[in-house]
C-alpha atoms as a PDB file:
ATOM      1  CA  MET A   1     -15.970  -0.419  -0.652  1.00  0.00           C
ATOM      2  CA  ASP A   2     -13.735   0.237   2.355  1.00  0.00           C
ATOM      3  CA  PHE A   3     -10.946   2.630   1.348  1.00  0.00           C
ATOM      4  CA  SER A   4      -9.523   6.012   2.257  1.00  0.00           C
ATOM      5  CA  THR A   5      -7.895   8.672   0.120  1.00  0.00           C
ATOM      6  CA  ILE A   6      -4.550   9.550   1.706  1.00  0.00           C
ATOM      7  CA  THR A   7      -3.184  11.925  -0.949  1.00  0.00           C
ATOM      8  CA  ASP A   8      -4.308  12.818  -4.466  1.00  0.00           C
ATOM      9  CA  GLY A   9      -2.425   9.779  -5.743  1.00  0.00           C
ATOM     10  CA  LEU A  10      -2.586   7.264  -2.876  1.00  0.00           C
ATOM     11  CA  LEU A  11      -5.560   5.270  -1.628  1.00  0.00           C
ATOM     12  CA  ILE A  12      -5.429   2.634   1.112  1.00  0.00           C
ATOM     13  CA  GLY A  13      -8.074   0.107   2.021  1.00  0.00           C
ATOM     14  CA  ALA A  14      -9.382  -3.392   2.368  1.00  0.00           C
ATOM     15  CA  MET A  15      -9.425  -6.181  -0.224  1.00  0.00           C
ATOM     16  CA  PRO A  16     -11.606  -4.986  -3.098  1.00  0.00           C
ATOM     17  CA  ALA A  17     -14.446  -7.123  -4.399  1.00  0.00           C
ATOM     18  CA  ALA A  18     -14.560  -7.947  -8.113  1.00  0.00           C
ATOM     19  CA  ASP A  19     -16.906  -5.033  -8.889  1.00  0.00           C
ATOM     20  CA  ASP A  20     -14.690  -2.585  -6.996  1.00  0.00           C
ATOM     21  CA  TYR A  21     -11.937  -2.740  -9.614  1.00  0.00           C
ATOM     22  CA  ALA A  22     -14.079  -0.777 -12.072  1.00  0.00           C
ATOM     23  CA  LEU A  23     -14.731   1.843  -9.380  1.00  0.00           C
ATOM     24  CA  LEU A  24     -11.019   2.106  -8.600  1.00  0.00           C
ATOM     25  CA  TYR A  25     -10.189   2.449 -12.286  1.00  0.00           C
ATOM     26  CA  GLY A  26     -12.821   5.157 -12.616  1.00  0.00           C
ATOM     27  CA  LEU A  27     -11.120   7.035  -9.770  1.00  0.00           C
ATOM     28  CA  GLY A  28      -7.848   6.984 -11.727  1.00  0.00           C
ATOM     29  CA  VAL A  29      -6.193   3.994 -10.044  1.00  0.00           C
ATOM     30  CA  ARG A  30      -3.738   2.404 -12.464  1.00  0.00           C
ATOM     31  CA  LEU A  31      -1.905   0.166  -9.980  1.00  0.00           C
ATOM     32  CA  VAL A  32      -3.248  -2.014  -7.188  1.00  0.00           C
ATOM     33  CA  LEU A  33      -0.655  -3.241  -4.692  1.00  0.00           C
ATOM     34  CA  ASN A  34      -2.036  -6.390  -3.077  1.00  0.00           C
ATOM     35  CA  MET A  35      -0.280  -7.185   0.207  1.00  0.00           C
ATOM     36  CA  ARG A  36      -2.355 -10.281   0.986  1.00  0.00           C
ATOM     37  CA  PHE A  37      -0.743 -13.690   1.264  1.00  0.00           C
ATOM     38  CA  THR A  38      -3.644 -15.918   0.283  1.00  0.00           C
ATOM     39  CA  ARG A  39      -5.596 -14.190  -2.464  1.00  0.00           C
ATOM     40  CA  PHE A  40      -4.396 -12.523  -5.652  1.00  0.00           C
ATOM     41  CA  LEU A  41      -7.802 -11.493  -7.002  1.00  0.00           C
ATOM     42  CA  PRO A  42     -11.304 -11.805  -5.585  1.00  0.00           C
ATOM     43  CA  PRO A  43     -13.680 -14.379  -7.068  1.00  0.00           C
ATOM     44  CA  GLY A  44     -15.458 -13.106 -10.160  1.00  0.00           C
ATOM     45  CA  ILE A  45     -12.629 -11.192 -11.824  1.00  0.00           C
ATOM     46  CA  LYS A  46     -10.029 -12.602 -14.159  1.00  0.00           C
ATOM     47  CA  THR A  47      -8.731  -9.510 -15.921  1.00  0.00           C
ATOM     48  CA  PRO A  48      -8.775  -6.321 -13.846  1.00  0.00           C
ATOM     49  CA  PRO A  49      -8.840  -2.982 -15.710  1.00  0.00           C
ATOM     50  CA  CYS A  50      -5.598  -1.884 -14.032  1.00  0.00           C
ATOM     51  CA  ARG A  51      -2.280  -3.479 -13.190  1.00  0.00           C
ATOM     52  CA  VAL A  52      -2.214  -5.584 -10.013  1.00  0.00           C
ATOM     53  CA  LEU A  53       1.084  -6.354  -8.303  1.00  0.00           C
ATOM     54  CA  TRP A  54       0.795  -9.149  -5.764  1.00  0.00           C
ATOM     55  CA  LEU A  55       3.354  -8.730  -2.972  1.00  0.00           C
ATOM     56  CA  ARG A  56       2.537 -11.743  -0.810  1.00  0.00           C
ATOM     57  CA  THR A  57       3.090 -10.928   2.848  1.00  0.00           C
ATOM     58  CA  ILE A  58       1.823 -12.211   6.168  1.00  0.00           C
ATOM     59  CA  ASP A  59       0.356  -9.972   8.876  1.00  0.00           C
ATOM     60  CA  SER A  60       2.337 -11.396  11.781  1.00  0.00           C
ATOM     61  CA  PRO A  61       5.080 -10.237  14.137  1.00  0.00           C
ATOM     62  CA  PHE A  62       6.804 -13.567  13.453  1.00  0.00           C
ATOM     63  CA  SER A  63       7.083 -12.902   9.721  1.00  0.00           C
ATOM     64  CA  PRO A  64       8.056  -9.255   9.139  1.00  0.00           C
ATOM     65  CA  ILE A  65       7.243  -7.631   5.816  1.00  0.00           C
ATOM     66  CA  PRO A  66      10.412  -7.939   3.717  1.00  0.00           C
ATOM     67  CA  ILE A  67      11.981  -4.569   2.915  1.00  0.00           C
ATOM     68  CA  LYS A  68      12.533  -5.934  -0.600  1.00  0.00           C
ATOM     69  CA  LYS A  69       8.735  -6.260  -1.044  1.00  0.00           C
ATOM     70  CA  LEU A  70       8.165  -2.706   0.182  1.00  0.00           C
ATOM     71  CA  ALA A  71      10.858  -1.444  -2.200  1.00  0.00           C
ATOM     72  CA  GLN A  72       9.325  -3.406  -5.087  1.00  0.00           C
ATOM     73  CA  GLY A  73       5.917  -1.868  -4.408  1.00  0.00           C
ATOM     74  CA  VAL A  74       7.378   1.621  -4.052  1.00  0.00           C
ATOM     75  CA  SER A  75       9.221   1.317  -7.349  1.00  0.00           C
ATOM     76  CA  ALA A  76       6.039   0.324  -9.190  1.00  0.00           C
ATOM     77  CA  ALA A  77       4.012   2.985  -7.380  1.00  0.00           C
ATOM     78  CA  LEU A  78       6.410   5.830  -8.173  1.00  0.00           C
ATOM     79  CA  GLU A  79       6.318   4.934 -11.857  1.00  0.00           C
ATOM     80  CA  VAL A  80       2.506   5.141 -11.887  1.00  0.00           C
ATOM     81  CA  LEU A  81       2.371   8.295  -9.750  1.00  0.00           C
ATOM     82  CA  ASP A  82       4.965  10.012 -11.943  1.00  0.00           C
ATOM     83  CA  SER A  83       2.780   9.330 -14.992  1.00  0.00           C
ATOM     84  CA  GLY A  84      -0.296  10.862 -13.332  1.00  0.00           C
ATOM     85  CA  GLY A  85      -2.020   7.655 -12.225  1.00  0.00           C
ATOM     86  CA  LYS A  86      -3.165   6.707  -8.752  1.00  0.00           C
ATOM     87  CA  VAL A  87      -2.173   3.755  -6.567  1.00  0.00           C
ATOM     88  CA  TYR A  88      -4.406   1.640  -4.331  1.00  0.00           C
ATOM     89  CA  THR A  89      -2.675  -0.461  -1.710  1.00  0.00           C
ATOM     90  CA  HIS A  90      -4.610  -3.070   0.232  1.00  0.00           C
ATOM     91  CA  CYS A  91      -4.386  -6.005   2.575  1.00  0.00           C
ATOM     92  CA  ALA A  92      -7.314  -7.846   4.103  1.00  0.00           C
ATOM     93  CA  TYR A  93      -8.732  -4.951   6.152  1.00  0.00           C
ATOM     94  CA  GLY A  94      -6.534  -1.949   5.359  1.00  0.00           C
ATOM     95  CA  ARG A  95      -4.985  -1.730   8.817  1.00  0.00           C
ATOM     96  CA  HIS A  96      -1.419  -3.053   8.758  1.00  0.00           C
ATOM     97  CA  ARG A  97       0.326  -4.305   5.607  1.00  0.00           C
ATOM     98  CA  SER A  98      -1.367  -1.824   3.273  1.00  0.00           C
ATOM     99  CA  VAL A  99      -0.518   0.953   5.731  1.00  0.00           C
ATOM    100  CA  ALA A 100       3.133  -0.133   5.776  1.00  0.00           C
ATOM    101  CA  MET A 101       3.190  -0.019   1.968  1.00  0.00           C
ATOM    102  CA  GLY A 102       1.419   3.336   1.896  1.00  0.00           C
ATOM    103  CA  SER A 103       3.912   4.718   4.404  1.00  0.00           C
ATOM    104  CA  ALA A 104       6.794   3.439   2.291  1.00  0.00           C
ATOM    105  CA  ILE A 105       5.362   5.169  -0.786  1.00  0.00           C
ATOM    106  CA  LEU A 106       5.020   8.430   1.124  1.00  0.00           C
ATOM    107  CA  ILE A 107       8.588   8.095   2.450  1.00  0.00           C
ATOM    108  CA  ALA A 108       9.811   7.700  -1.126  1.00  0.00           C
ATOM    109  CA  GLN A 109       7.904  10.884  -1.982  1.00  0.00           C
ATOM    110  CA  GLY A 110       9.769  12.829   0.702  1.00  0.00           C
ATOM    111  CA  TYR A 111       7.712  12.385   3.872  1.00  0.00           C
ATOM    112  CA  SER A 112       9.445  11.454   7.104  1.00  0.00           C
ATOM    113  CA  ALA A 113       8.375   8.078   8.468  1.00  0.00           C
ATOM    114  CA  PHE A 114       6.437   9.708  11.297  1.00  0.00           C
ATOM    115  CA  ASP A 115       4.766  12.262   9.031  1.00  0.00           C
ATOM    116  CA  ALA A 116       3.735   9.440   6.689  1.00  0.00           C
ATOM    117  CA  MET A 117       2.249   7.379   9.525  1.00  0.00           C
ATOM    118  CA  ASN A 118       0.473  10.417  10.996  1.00  0.00           C
ATOM    119  CA  LEU A 119      -0.987  11.424   7.637  1.00  0.00           C
ATOM    120  CA  ILE A 120      -2.328   7.912   7.060  1.00  0.00           C
ATOM    121  CA  LYS A 121      -3.815   7.760  10.569  1.00  0.00           C
ATOM    122  CA  SER A 122      -5.483  11.150  10.044  1.00  0.00           C
ATOM    123  CA  GLN A 123      -7.068  10.001   6.772  1.00  0.00           C
ATOM    124  CA  ARG A 124      -7.917   6.386   7.641  1.00  0.00           C
ATOM    125  CA  ALA A 125      -9.406   5.589  11.045  1.00  0.00           C
ATOM    126  CA  ALA A 126      -8.776   1.844  10.640  1.00  0.00           C
ATOM    127  CA  ALA A 127      -5.041   2.359  10.006  1.00  0.00           C
ATOM    128  CA  ASP A 128      -2.725   1.086  12.732  1.00  0.00           C
ATOM    129  CA  PRO A 129       0.869   1.920  11.798  1.00  0.00           C
ATOM    130  CA  ASP A 130       1.726   2.005  15.498  1.00  0.00           C
ATOM    131  CA  MET A 131       1.404  -1.783  15.824  1.00  0.00           C
ATOM    132  CA  PHE A 132       4.958  -2.601  16.900  1.00  0.00           C
ATOM    133  CA  TYR A 133       5.805  -5.009  14.095  1.00  0.00           C
ATOM    134  CA  ILE A 134       4.356  -2.704  11.421  1.00  0.00           C
ATOM    135  CA  LYS A 135       5.988   0.446  12.781  1.00  0.00           C
ATOM    136  CA  SER A 136       9.351  -1.316  12.946  1.00  0.00           C
ATOM    137  CA  ARG A 137       9.122  -2.191   9.229  1.00  0.00           C
ATOM    138  CA  ILE A 138       8.138   1.357   8.289  1.00  0.00           C
ATOM    139  CA  LEU A 139      11.105   2.729  10.237  1.00  0.00           C
ATOM    140  CA  LYS A 140      13.399   0.095   8.722  1.00  0.00           C
ATOM    141  CA  PHE A 141      12.199   1.013   5.229  1.00  0.00           C
ATOM    142  CA  ASP A 142      12.827   4.689   6.004  1.00  0.00           C
ATOM    143  CA  GLN A 143      16.454   3.868   6.895  1.00  0.00           C
ATOM    144  CA  HIS A 144      16.803   1.685   3.787  1.00  0.00           C
ATOM    145  CA  TRP A 145      15.357   4.354   1.494  1.00  0.00           C
ATOM    146  CA  HIS A 146      17.559   7.128   2.820  1.00  0.00           C
ATOM    147  CA  LYS A 147      20.641   4.929   2.630  1.00  0.00           C
ATOM    148  CA  THR A 148      20.056   3.532  -0.855  1.00  0.00           C
ATOM    149  CA  GLY A 149      17.549   5.881  -2.485  1.00  0.00           C
ATOM    150  CA  HIS A 150      15.564   2.836  -3.641  1.00  0.00           C
END
């Protein structure tokens, strides 16, 4: 399974296979944030052992990740993290959309946008928060979060 541990409570990676959900649950993951547009769950699993929140987004500069989707994921993530659970955020390959969501979660936990992106890059070689259309959404979320607090 292709994932990286970013903090004690946050993991970022690629789309898990059906068997990977048991592994994630065993690691303490209680929420999976799925940032993929086309697939909610992989073939072979109907009822995952943890909650899955599907935040359908497209990895394209022509369709930016909605701040509302990032905020929705952050809200769910903070609830799980506050109760001692872990969060796994993924997209297809764990490079862009999942990294944007992970950065948003870290921002909500008090990291600056740049510290969040740097931490993720240091823990996950595949992460590319510097892709212009991903970085712009992370920075936009940072502004939104500090203005609204949610």
